[in-house]
PDB file of N, CA and C in Angstrom:
ATOM      1  N   UNK A   1     -17.649  19.440  13.490  1.00  0.00           N
ATOM      2  CA  UNK A   1     -16.459  18.075  13.272  1.00  0.00           C
ATOM      3  C   UNK A   1     -16.591  17.207  13.934  1.00  0.00           C
ATOM      4  N   UNK A   2     -16.989  15.782  13.563  1.00  0.00           N
ATOM      5  CA  UNK A   2     -16.899  14.843  15.117  1.00  0.00           C
ATOM      6  C   UNK A   2     -15.193  14.357  15.005  1.00  0.00           C
ATOM      7  N   UNK A   3     -15.345  13.218  16.058  1.00  0.00           N
ATOM      8  CA  UNK A   3     -13.748  12.639  16.263  1.00  0.00           C
ATOM      9  C   UNK A   3     -13.414  12.055  15.241  1.00  0.00           C
ATOM     10  N   UNK A   4     -14.273  11.525  14.251  1.00  0.00           N
ATOM     11  CA  UNK A   4     -13.342  10.378  13.238  1.00  0.00           C
ATOM     12  C   UNK A   4     -12.871  11.835  12.119  1.00  0.00           C
ATOM     13  N   UNK A   5     -13.599  12.729  11.847  1.00  0.00           N
ATOM     14  CA  UNK A   5     -13.176  14.035  10.921  1.00  0.00           C
ATOM     15  C   UNK A   5     -12.137  14.414  11.528  1.00  0.00           C
ATOM     16  N   UNK A   6     -11.690  14.625  12.854  1.00  0.00           N
ATOM     17  CA  UNK A   6     -10.506  15.229  13.353  1.00  0.00           C
ATOM     18  C   UNK A   6      -9.567  14.107  12.896  1.00  0.00           C
ATOM     19  N   UNK A   7      -9.440  13.006  13.764  1.00  0.00           N
ATOM     20  CA  UNK A   7      -8.418  12.025  13.326  1.00  0.00           C
ATOM     21  C   UNK A   7      -8.401  11.633  11.581  1.00  0.00           C
ATOM     22  N   UNK A   8      -9.218  11.837  10.974  1.00  0.00           N
ATOM     23  CA  UNK A   8      -8.909  12.044   9.373  1.00  0.00           C
ATOM     24  C   UNK A   8      -7.992  13.032   8.996  1.00  0.00           C
ATOM     25  N   UNK A   9      -8.329  14.509   9.470  1.00  0.00           N
ATOM     26  CA  UNK A   9      -7.759  15.402   9.015  1.00  0.00           C
ATOM     27  C   UNK A   9      -6.150  15.185   9.760  1.00  0.00           C
ATOM     28  N   UNK A  10      -5.995  14.994  11.213  1.00  0.00           N
ATOM     29  CA  UNK A  10      -4.801  14.785  11.386  1.00  0.00           C
ATOM     30  C   UNK A  10      -3.805  14.057  10.797  1.00  0.00           C
ATOM     31  N   UNK A  11      -4.662  12.838  10.232  1.00  0.00           N
ATOM     32  CA  UNK A  11      -3.941  12.248   9.530  1.00  0.00           C
ATOM     33  C   UNK A  11      -3.417  12.784   7.889  1.00  0.00           C
ATOM     34  N   UNK A  12      -4.046  13.102   7.504  1.00  0.00           N
ATOM     35  CA  UNK A  12      -4.022  13.600   6.493  1.00  0.00           C
ATOM     36  C   UNK A  12      -2.351  14.953   6.556  1.00  0.00           C
ATOM     37  N   UNK A  13      -2.548  15.924   7.558  1.00  0.00           N
ATOM     38  CA  UNK A  13      -1.399  16.989   7.823  1.00  0.00           C
ATOM     39  C   UNK A  13      -0.179  15.786   8.457  1.00  0.00           C
ATOM     40  N   UNK A  14      -0.347  14.952   8.945  1.00  0.00           N
ATOM     41  CA  UNK A  14       1.017  13.895   8.955  1.00  0.00           C
ATOM     42  C   UNK A  14       1.460  13.593   7.846  1.00  0.00           C
ATOM     43  N   UNK A  15       0.928  13.038   7.044  1.00  0.00           N
ATOM     44  CA  UNK A  15       1.224  12.771   5.474  1.00  0.00           C
ATOM     45  C   UNK A  15       1.570  14.073   4.761  1.00  0.00           C
ATOM     46  N   UNK A  16       0.745  15.330   4.791  1.00  0.00           N
ATOM     47  CA  UNK A  16       1.211  15.964   4.131  1.00  0.00           C
ATOM     48  C   UNK A  16       2.869  16.846   4.442  1.00  0.00           C
ATOM     49  N   UNK A  17       2.559  16.513   5.888  1.00  0.00           N
ATOM     50  CA  UNK A  17       4.191  17.143   6.839  1.00  0.00           C
ATOM     51  C   UNK A  17       5.185  16.193   6.639  1.00  0.00           C
ATOM     52  N   UNK A  18       4.886  14.928   6.540  1.00  0.00           N
ATOM     53  CA  UNK A  18       5.925  13.867   6.204  1.00  0.00           C
ATOM     54  C   UNK A  18       6.524  14.355   4.746  1.00  0.00           C
ATOM     55  N   UNK A  19       5.642  14.040   3.437  1.00  0.00           N
ATOM     56  CA  UNK A  19       6.222  14.555   2.365  1.00  0.00           C
ATOM     57  C   UNK A  19       6.734  15.806   2.753  1.00  0.00           C
ATOM     58  N   UNK A  20       6.739  16.668   2.818  1.00  0.00           N
ATOM     59  CA  UNK A  20       7.229  18.165   2.659  1.00  0.00           C
ATOM     60  C   UNK A  20       8.701  18.135   3.413  1.00  0.00           C
ATOM     61  N   UNK A  21       8.249  17.204   4.715  1.00  0.00           N
ATOM     62  CA  UNK A  21       9.927  17.408   5.373  1.00  0.00           C
ATOM     63  C   UNK A  21      10.639  16.289   4.627  1.00  0.00           C
ATOM     64  N   UNK A  22      10.631  15.137   4.754  1.00  0.00           N
ATOM     65  CA  UNK A  22      11.196  13.989   4.361  1.00  0.00           C
ATOM     66  C   UNK A  22      11.482  13.571   2.745  1.00  0.00           C
ATOM     67  N   UNK A  23      10.686  14.362   1.666  1.00  0.00           N
ATOM     68  CA  UNK A  23      10.863  13.811   0.581  1.00  0.00           C
ATOM     69  C   UNK A  23      10.502  12.647   0.059  1.00  0.00           C
ATOM     70  N   UNK A  24      11.459  11.568   0.078  1.00  0.00           N
ATOM     71  CA  UNK A  24      11.186  10.688  -0.785  1.00  0.00           C
ATOM     72  C   UNK A  24      10.690   9.479   0.591  1.00  0.00           C
ATOM     73  N   UNK A  25       9.600   9.408  -0.124  1.00  0.00           N
ATOM     74  CA  UNK A  25       8.775   8.463   1.086  1.00  0.00           C
ATOM     75  C   UNK A  25       8.260   6.868   0.223  1.00  0.00           C
ATOM     76  N   UNK A  26       7.915   6.290   0.861  1.00  0.00           N
ATOM     77  CA  UNK A  26       7.385   4.692   0.061  1.00  0.00           C
ATOM     78  C   UNK A  26       6.334   4.636   1.285  1.00  0.00           C
ATOM     79  N   UNK A  27       5.114   3.846   0.761  1.00  0.00           N
ATOM     80  CA  UNK A  27       4.302   3.115   1.644  1.00  0.00           C
ATOM     81  C   UNK A  27       4.248   2.093   1.472  1.00  0.00           C
ATOM     82  N   UNK A  28       4.389   1.103   2.637  1.00  0.00           N
ATOM     83  CA  UNK A  28       4.033  -0.370   2.666  1.00  0.00           C
ATOM     84  C   UNK A  28       2.674  -0.735   2.812  1.00  0.00           C
ATOM     85  N   UNK A  29       2.215  -1.876   1.341  1.00  0.00           N
ATOM     86  CA  UNK A  29       0.921  -1.861   1.595  1.00  0.00           C
ATOM     87  C   UNK A  29       0.656  -3.264   1.317  1.00  0.00           C
ATOM     88  N   UNK A  30       0.194  -4.017   2.546  1.00  0.00           N
ATOM     89  CA  UNK A  30       0.269  -5.390   2.340  1.00  0.00           C
ATOM     90  C   UNK A  30      -1.426  -5.581   2.046  1.00  0.00           C
ATOM     91  N   UNK A  31      -2.054  -4.837   1.470  1.00  0.00           N
ATOM     92  CA  UNK A  31      -2.977  -5.462   0.856  1.00  0.00           C
ATOM     93  C   UNK A  31      -4.266  -5.340   2.027  1.00  0.00           C
ATOM     94  N   UNK A  32      -3.860  -5.279   3.143  1.00  0.00           N
ATOM     95  CA  UNK A  32      -4.946  -5.825   4.289  1.00  0.00           C
ATOM     96  C   UNK A  32      -5.879  -4.153   4.873  1.00  0.00           C
ATOM     97  N   UNK A  33      -6.627  -4.151   5.459  1.00  0.00           N
ATOM     98  CA  UNK A  33      -7.152  -3.152   5.665  1.00  0.00           C
ATOM     99  C   UNK A  33      -7.078  -1.707   6.554  1.00  0.00           C
ATOM    100  N   UNK A  34      -5.618  -2.198   7.334  1.00  0.00           N
ATOM    101  CA  UNK A  34      -4.741  -0.694   7.768  1.00  0.00           C
ATOM    102  C   UNK A  34      -4.377  -0.233   6.420  1.00  0.00           C
ATOM    103  N   UNK A  35      -3.337  -0.948   5.829  1.00  0.00           N
ATOM    104  CA  UNK A  35      -3.011  -0.051   4.503  1.00  0.00           C
ATOM    105  C   UNK A  35      -3.564   0.471   3.751  1.00  0.00           C
ATOM    106  N   UNK A  36      -4.211  -0.184   3.201  1.00  0.00           N
ATOM    107  CA  UNK A  36      -5.787   0.605   2.483  1.00  0.00           C
ATOM    108  C   UNK A  36      -6.413   1.537   2.856  1.00  0.00           C
ATOM    109  N   UNK A  37      -6.424   1.975   4.255  1.00  0.00           N
ATOM    110  CA  UNK A  37      -7.174   3.144   4.475  1.00  0.00           C
ATOM    111  C   UNK A  37      -6.109   3.749   4.207  1.00  0.00           C
ATOM    112  N   UNK A  38      -4.449   3.589   4.739  1.00  0.00           N
ATOM    113  CA  UNK A  38      -3.733   4.570   4.733  1.00  0.00           C
ATOM    114  C   UNK A  38      -3.610   5.223   2.805  1.00  0.00           C
ATOM    115  N   UNK A  39      -3.952   4.242   2.138  1.00  0.00           N
ATOM    116  CA  UNK A  39      -3.907   4.415   0.634  1.00  0.00           C
ATOM    117  C   UNK A  39      -4.873   5.334   0.471  1.00  0.00           C
ATOM    118  N   UNK A  40      -5.879   5.138   0.959  1.00  0.00           N
ATOM    119  CA  UNK A  40      -7.110   6.012   0.715  1.00  0.00           C
ATOM    120  C   UNK A  40      -7.069   7.524   1.507  1.00  0.00           C
ATOM    121  N   UNK A  41      -6.033   7.646   2.290  1.00  0.00           N
ATOM    122  CA  UNK A  41      -5.803   8.722   3.288  1.00  0.00           C
ATOM    123  C   UNK A  41      -4.692   9.413   2.093  1.00  0.00           C
ATOM    124  N   UNK A  42      -3.886   8.763   1.466  1.00  0.00           N
ATOM    125  CA  UNK A  42      -2.736   9.552   0.550  1.00  0.00           C
ATOM    126  C   UNK A  42      -3.449  10.104  -0.330  1.00  0.00           C
ATOM    127  N   UNK A  43      -4.350   9.210  -0.745  1.00  0.00           N
ATOM    128  CA  UNK A  43      -4.946   9.889  -2.365  1.00  0.00           C
ATOM    129  C   UNK A  43      -5.846  10.895  -1.990  1.00  0.00           C
ATOM    130  N   UNK A  44      -6.624  11.234  -0.408  1.00  0.00           N
ATOM    131  CA  UNK A  44      -6.946  11.993  -0.252  1.00  0.00           C
ATOM    132  C   UNK A  44      -6.180  13.398   0.009  1.00  0.00           C
ATOM    133  N   UNK A  45      -5.306  13.091   0.872  1.00  0.00           N
ATOM    134  CA  UNK A  45      -4.069  14.407   1.198  1.00  0.00           C
ATOM    135  C   UNK A  45      -3.688  15.026   0.154  1.00  0.00           C
ATOM    136  N   UNK A  46      -3.545  14.086  -1.066  1.00  0.00           N
ATOM    137  CA  UNK A  46      -2.520  14.723  -2.246  1.00  0.00           C
ATOM    138  C   UNK A  46      -3.860  14.774  -3.450  1.00  0.00           C
ATOM    139  N   UNK A  47      -4.797  15.431  -3.361  1.00  0.00           N
ATOM    140  CA  UNK A  47      -5.965  15.581  -4.220  1.00  0.00           C
ATOM    141  C   UNK A  47      -6.069  14.321  -5.378  1.00  0.00           C
ATOM    142  N   UNK A  48      -5.934  13.060  -4.862  1.00  0.00           N
ATOM    143  CA  UNK A  48      -6.281  12.468  -6.348  1.00  0.00           C
ATOM    144  C   UNK A  48      -4.569  11.716  -6.307  1.00  0.00           C
ATOM    145  N   UNK A  49      -3.994  12.476  -6.540  1.00  0.00           N
ATOM    146  CA  UNK A  49      -2.568  11.600  -6.392  1.00  0.00           C
ATOM    147  C   UNK A  49      -1.657  11.342  -5.326  1.00  0.00           C
ATOM    148  N   UNK A  50      -1.421  10.276  -5.910  1.00  0.00           N
ATOM    149  CA  UNK A  50      -0.262   9.428  -5.219  1.00  0.00           C
ATOM    150  C   UNK A  50       1.434   9.883  -5.224  1.00  0.00           C
ATOM    151  N   UNK A  51       1.945  10.625  -4.645  1.00  0.00           N
ATOM    152  CA  UNK A  51       3.379  11.575  -4.746  1.00  0.00           C
ATOM    153  C   UNK A  51       4.272  10.191  -4.626  1.00  0.00           C
ATOM    154  N   UNK A  52       4.320   8.985  -4.187  1.00  0.00           N
ATOM    155  CA  UNK A  52       5.384   8.174  -3.713  1.00  0.00           C
ATOM    156  C   UNK A  52       4.900   7.339  -3.805  1.00  0.00           C
ATOM    157  N   UNK A  53       6.064   5.956  -4.156  1.00  0.00           N
ATOM    158  CA  UNK A  53       5.526   4.697  -4.311  1.00  0.00           C
ATOM    159  C   UNK A  53       4.839   3.905  -2.898  1.00  0.00           C
ATOM    160  N   UNK A  54       3.943   3.009  -3.352  1.00  0.00           N
ATOM    161  CA  UNK A  54       3.509   1.964  -2.486  1.00  0.00           C
ATOM    162  C   UNK A  54       4.158   0.587  -2.656  1.00  0.00           C
ATOM    163  N   UNK A  55       4.676   0.240  -1.774  1.00  0.00           N
ATOM    164  CA  UNK A  55       5.394  -1.111  -1.953  1.00  0.00           C
ATOM    165  C   UNK A  55       4.999  -2.223  -0.975  1.00  0.00           C
ATOM    166  N   UNK A  56       4.651  -3.132  -1.845  1.00  0.00           N
ATOM    167  CA  UNK A  56       4.028  -4.680  -1.769  1.00  0.00           C
ATOM    168  C   UNK A  56       5.324  -5.748  -1.629  1.00  0.00           C
ATOM    169  N   UNK A  57       5.128  -6.107  -0.271  1.00  0.00           N
ATOM    170  CA  UNK A  57       6.134  -7.342   0.069  1.00  0.00           C
ATOM    171  C   UNK A  57       5.593  -8.817  -0.073  1.00  0.00           C
ATOM    172  N   UNK A  58       5.369  -9.385  -1.419  1.00  0.00           N
ATOM    173  CA  UNK A  58       4.926 -10.154  -1.707  1.00  0.00           C
ATOM    174  C   UNK A  58       5.645 -11.562  -1.181  1.00  0.00           C
ATOM    175  N   UNK A  59       4.912 -12.633  -0.562  1.00  0.00           N
ATOM    176  CA  UNK A  59       5.274 -13.208   0.336  1.00  0.00           C
ATOM    177  C   UNK A  59       4.731 -14.894  -0.036  1.00  0.00           C
ATOM    178  N   UNK A  60       4.539 -14.688  -1.568  1.00  0.00           N
ATOM    179  CA  UNK A  60       3.908 -15.385  -2.041  1.00  0.00           C
ATOM    180  C   UNK A  60       2.996 -16.782  -1.053  1.00  0.00           C
ATOM    181  N   UNK A  61       2.201 -15.732   0.330  1.00  0.00           N
ATOM    182  CA  UNK A  61       1.678 -16.526   0.943  1.00  0.00           C
ATOM    183  C   UNK A  61      -0.271 -16.278   0.817  1.00  0.00           C
ATOM    184  N   UNK A  62      -0.194 -15.163  -0.677  1.00  0.00           N
ATOM    185  CA  UNK A  62      -1.640 -14.559  -0.604  1.00  0.00           C
ATOM    186  C   UNK A  62      -2.016 -15.243  -1.704  1.00  0.00           C
ATOM    187  N   UNK A  63      -3.734 -15.553  -1.373  1.00  0.00           N
ATOM    188  CA  UNK A  63      -4.173 -16.092  -2.391  1.00  0.00           C
ATOM    189  C   UNK A  63      -3.959 -15.310  -3.687  1.00  0.00           C
ATOM    190  N   UNK A  64      -4.362 -16.130  -5.060  1.00  0.00           N
ATOM    191  CA  UNK A  64      -4.328 -15.646  -6.428  1.00  0.00           C
ATOM    192  C   UNK A  64      -5.171 -14.622  -5.989  1.00  0.00           C
ATOM    193  N   UNK A  65      -6.516 -14.560  -5.433  1.00  0.00           N
ATOM    194  CA  UNK A  65      -7.393 -13.372  -5.606  1.00  0.00           C
ATOM    195  C   UNK A  65      -6.873 -12.173  -5.087  1.00  0.00           C
ATOM    196  N   UNK A  66      -6.168 -11.902  -4.343  1.00  0.00           N
ATOM    197  CA  UNK A  66      -5.246 -10.779  -3.403  1.00  0.00           C
ATOM    198  C   UNK A  66      -4.660 -10.165  -4.222  1.00  0.00           C
ATOM    199  N   UNK A  67      -3.782 -11.173  -5.458  1.00  0.00           N
ATOM    200  CA  UNK A  67      -3.093 -10.488  -5.842  1.00  0.00           C
ATOM    201  C   UNK A  67      -3.460  -9.850  -7.333  1.00  0.00           C
ATOM    202  N   UNK A  68      -4.690 -10.550  -7.465  1.00  0.00           N
ATOM    203  CA  UNK A  68      -5.333  -9.751  -8.551  1.00  0.00           C
ATOM    204  C   UNK A  68      -5.792  -8.289  -8.312  1.00  0.00           C
ATOM    205  N   UNK A  69      -6.419  -8.502  -6.832  1.00  0.00           N
ATOM    206  CA  UNK A  69      -7.471  -7.235  -6.586  1.00  0.00           C
ATOM    207  C   UNK A  69      -5.754  -5.878  -6.464  1.00  0.00           C
ATOM    208  N   UNK A  70      -4.942  -6.426  -6.137  1.00  0.00           N
ATOM    209  CA  UNK A  70      -3.601  -5.935  -5.920  1.00  0.00           C
ATOM    210  C   UNK A  70      -3.373  -5.232  -7.422  1.00  0.00           C
ATOM    211  N   UNK A  71      -3.386  -5.671  -7.805  1.00  0.00           N
ATOM    212  CA  UNK A  71      -2.833  -5.100  -9.523  1.00  0.00           C
ATOM    213  C   UNK A  71      -4.478  -4.651  -9.863  1.00  0.00           C
ATOM    214  N   UNK A  72      -5.321  -5.112  -9.949  1.00  0.00           N
ATOM    215  CA  UNK A  72      -6.440  -4.530 -10.507  1.00  0.00           C
ATOM    216  C   UNK A  72      -6.468  -2.994 -10.046  1.00  0.00           C
ATOM    217  N   UNK A  73      -6.760  -2.378  -8.265  1.00  0.00           N
ATOM    218  CA  UNK A  73      -6.203  -1.555  -7.738  1.00  0.00           C
ATOM    219  C   UNK A  73      -5.261  -0.760  -8.137  1.00  0.00           C
ATOM    220  N   UNK A  74      -3.851  -0.855  -8.513  1.00  0.00           N
ATOM    221  CA  UNK A  74      -2.856  -0.429  -8.502  1.00  0.00           C
ATOM    222  C   UNK A  74      -3.307   0.253  -9.830  1.00  0.00           C
ATOM    223  N   UNK A  75      -3.730  -0.624 -10.598  1.00  0.00           N
ATOM    224  CA  UNK A  75      -3.699  -0.099 -12.068  1.00  0.00           C
ATOM    225  C   UNK A  75      -5.172   1.193 -12.162  1.00  0.00           C
ATOM    226  N   UNK A  76      -6.367   0.909 -11.470  1.00  0.00           N
ATOM    227  CA  UNK A  76      -7.236   2.017 -11.617  1.00  0.00           C
ATOM    228  C   UNK A  76      -6.659   3.241 -10.526  1.00  0.00           C
ATOM    229  N   UNK A  77      -5.992   3.170  -9.866  1.00  0.00           N
ATOM    230  CA  UNK A  77      -5.515   4.306  -8.702  1.00  0.00           C
ATOM    231  C   UNK A  77      -4.464   4.992  -9.480  1.00  0.00           C
ATOM    232  N   UNK A  78      -3.862   4.552 -10.351  1.00  0.00           N
ATOM    233  CA  UNK A  78      -2.670   4.956 -11.387  1.00  0.00           C
ATOM    234  C   UNK A  78      -1.391   4.916 -10.203  1.00  0.00           C
ATOM    235  N   UNK A  79      -1.144   4.041  -8.921  1.00  0.00           N
ATOM    236  CA  UNK A  79      -0.042   3.759  -7.866  1.00  0.00           C
ATOM    237  C   UNK A  79       1.174   3.334  -8.674  1.00  0.00           C
ATOM    238  N   UNK A  80       2.170   3.944  -8.032  1.00  0.00           N
ATOM    239  CA  UNK A  80       3.872   3.651  -8.592  1.00  0.00           C
ATOM    240  C   UNK A  80       3.709   2.406  -7.412  1.00  0.00           C
ATOM    241  N   UNK A  81       3.763   1.089  -8.176  1.00  0.00           N
ATOM    242  CA  UNK A  81       3.853   0.346  -7.450  1.00  0.00           C
ATOM    243  C   UNK A  81       4.831  -0.447  -7.616  1.00  0.00           C
ATOM    244  N   UNK A  82       5.534  -0.766  -6.305  1.00  0.00           N
ATOM    245  CA  UNK A  82       7.107  -1.595  -6.336  1.00  0.00           C
ATOM    246  C   UNK A  82       6.177  -2.915  -5.671  1.00  0.00           C
ATOM    247  N   UNK A  83       6.657  -4.109  -6.196  1.00  0.00           N
ATOM    248  CA  UNK A  83       6.614  -5.557  -5.838  1.00  0.00           C
ATOM    249  C   UNK A  83       7.564  -6.183  -5.516  1.00  0.00           C
ATOM    250  N   UNK A  84       7.898  -6.584  -4.226  1.00  0.00           N
ATOM    251  CA  UNK A  84       9.182  -7.594  -4.025  1.00  0.00           C
ATOM    252  C   UNK A  84       8.718  -8.612  -3.859  1.00  0.00           C
ATOM    253  N   UNK A  85       9.704  -9.796  -3.583  1.00  0.00           N
ATOM    254  CA  UNK A  85       9.486 -11.359  -3.557  1.00  0.00           C
ATOM    255  C   UNK A  85      10.828 -11.564  -2.905  1.00  0.00           C
ATOM    256  N   UNK A  86      10.958 -12.240  -1.908  1.00  0.00           N
ATOM    257  CA  UNK A  86      12.088 -12.938  -1.794  1.00  0.00           C
ATOM    258  C   UNK A  86      12.527 -14.074  -2.189  1.00  0.00           C
ATOM    259  N   UNK A  87      12.848 -14.251  -3.551  1.00  0.00           N
ATOM    260  CA  UNK A  87      13.249 -15.240  -4.374  1.00  0.00           C
ATOM    261  C   UNK A  87      13.405 -16.698  -4.103  1.00  0.00           C
ATOM    262  N   UNK A  88      14.438 -15.985  -2.943  1.00  0.00           N
ATOM    263  CA  UNK A  88      15.410 -16.985  -2.479  1.00  0.00           C
ATOM    264  C   UNK A  88      14.320 -17.839  -1.203  1.00  0.00           C
ATOM    265  N   UNK A  89      13.859 -17.091  -0.132  1.00  0.00           N
ATOM    266  CA  UNK A  89      12.744 -18.173   0.385  1.00  0.00           C
ATOM    267  C   UNK A  89      11.707 -18.899  -0.201  1.00  0.00           C
ATOM    268  N   UNK A  90      10.974 -18.138  -1.118  1.00  0.00           N
ATOM    269  CA  UNK A  90      10.226 -19.196  -2.428  1.00  0.00           C
ATOM    270  C   UNK A  90      10.744 -20.309  -2.807  1.00  0.00           C
ATOM    271  N   UNK A  91      11.857 -20.443  -3.289  1.00  0.00           N
ATOM    272  CA  UNK A  91      12.987 -20.974  -3.786  1.00  0.00           C
ATOM    273  C   UNK A  91      13.400 -22.208  -2.654  1.00  0.00           C
ATOM    274  N   UNK A  92      13.650 -21.925  -1.560  1.00  0.00           N
ATOM    275  CA  UNK A  92      13.657 -22.727  -0.264  1.00  0.00           C
ATOM    276  C   UNK A  92      12.241 -23.436   0.487  1.00  0.00           C
ATOM    277  N   UNK A  93      11.645 -22.563  -0.321  1.00  0.00           N
ATOM    278  CA  UNK A  93      10.179 -23.641   0.369  1.00  0.00           C
ATOM    279  C   UNK A  93       9.263 -23.214   1.220  1.00  0.00           C
ATOM    280  N   UNK A  94       9.785 -21.774   1.372  1.00  0.00           N
ATOM    281  CA  UNK A  94       8.730 -20.890   2.508  1.00  0.00           C
ATOM    282  C   UNK A  94       8.059 -20.192   1.900  1.00  0.00           C
ATOM    283  N   UNK A  95       6.709 -20.858   1.408  1.00  0.00           N
ATOM    284  CA  UNK A  95       5.662 -20.040   0.609  1.00  0.00           C
ATOM    285  C   UNK A  95       4.818 -21.462   0.706  1.00  0.00           C
ATOM    286  N   UNK A  96       3.141 -20.863   0.633  1.00  0.00           N
ATOM    287  CA  UNK A  96       1.790 -21.726   0.631  1.00  0.00           C
ATOM    288  C   UNK A  96       2.062 -21.895  -1.111  1.00  0.00           C
ATOM    289  N   UNK A  97       1.583 -23.212  -1.535  1.00  0.00           N
ATOM    290  CA  UNK A  97       1.172 -23.358  -2.802  1.00  0.00           C
ATOM    291  C   UNK A  97      -0.367 -23.174  -2.826  1.00  0.00           C
ATOM    292  N   UNK A  98      -0.861 -22.390  -3.434  1.00  0.00           N
ATOM    293  CA  UNK A  98      -2.210 -22.229  -3.762  1.00  0.00           C
ATOM    294  C   UNK A  98      -2.913 -23.146  -4.320  1.00  0.00           C
ATOM    295  N   UNK A  99      -1.958 -23.598  -5.609  1.00  0.00           N
ATOM    296  CA  UNK A  99      -2.646 -24.603  -6.804  1.00  0.00           C
ATOM    297  C   UNK A  99      -2.950 -25.811  -5.813  1.00  0.00           C
ATOM    298  N   UNK A 100      -2.413 -26.303  -4.953  1.00  0.00           N
ATOM    299  CA  UNK A 100      -2.384 -27.768  -4.372  1.00  0.00           C
ATOM    300  C   UNK A 100      -4.215 -28.235  -3.679  1.00  0.00           C
TER     301      UNK A 100
END
């Protein structure tokens, strides 16, 4: 077993122990590389199943293609996806307008 295999095995062990001992978990998913690796590890740790929701905080700063990828991936992987948008911040102009 090489070093990366050991790190993967330890990560899977930690995810399983956290779920067993804490029960109600949620994983923040920014759609970035780090949180997408965690998504992959969860799928591997629970034999293709994701026993807790993935939470995306939509800042409205993402390009439309990122949101399309998020939705497509969530559907393909059968994720319980929770999306939260701070509507007040968007209303107050704290967002990017990609259509411009």
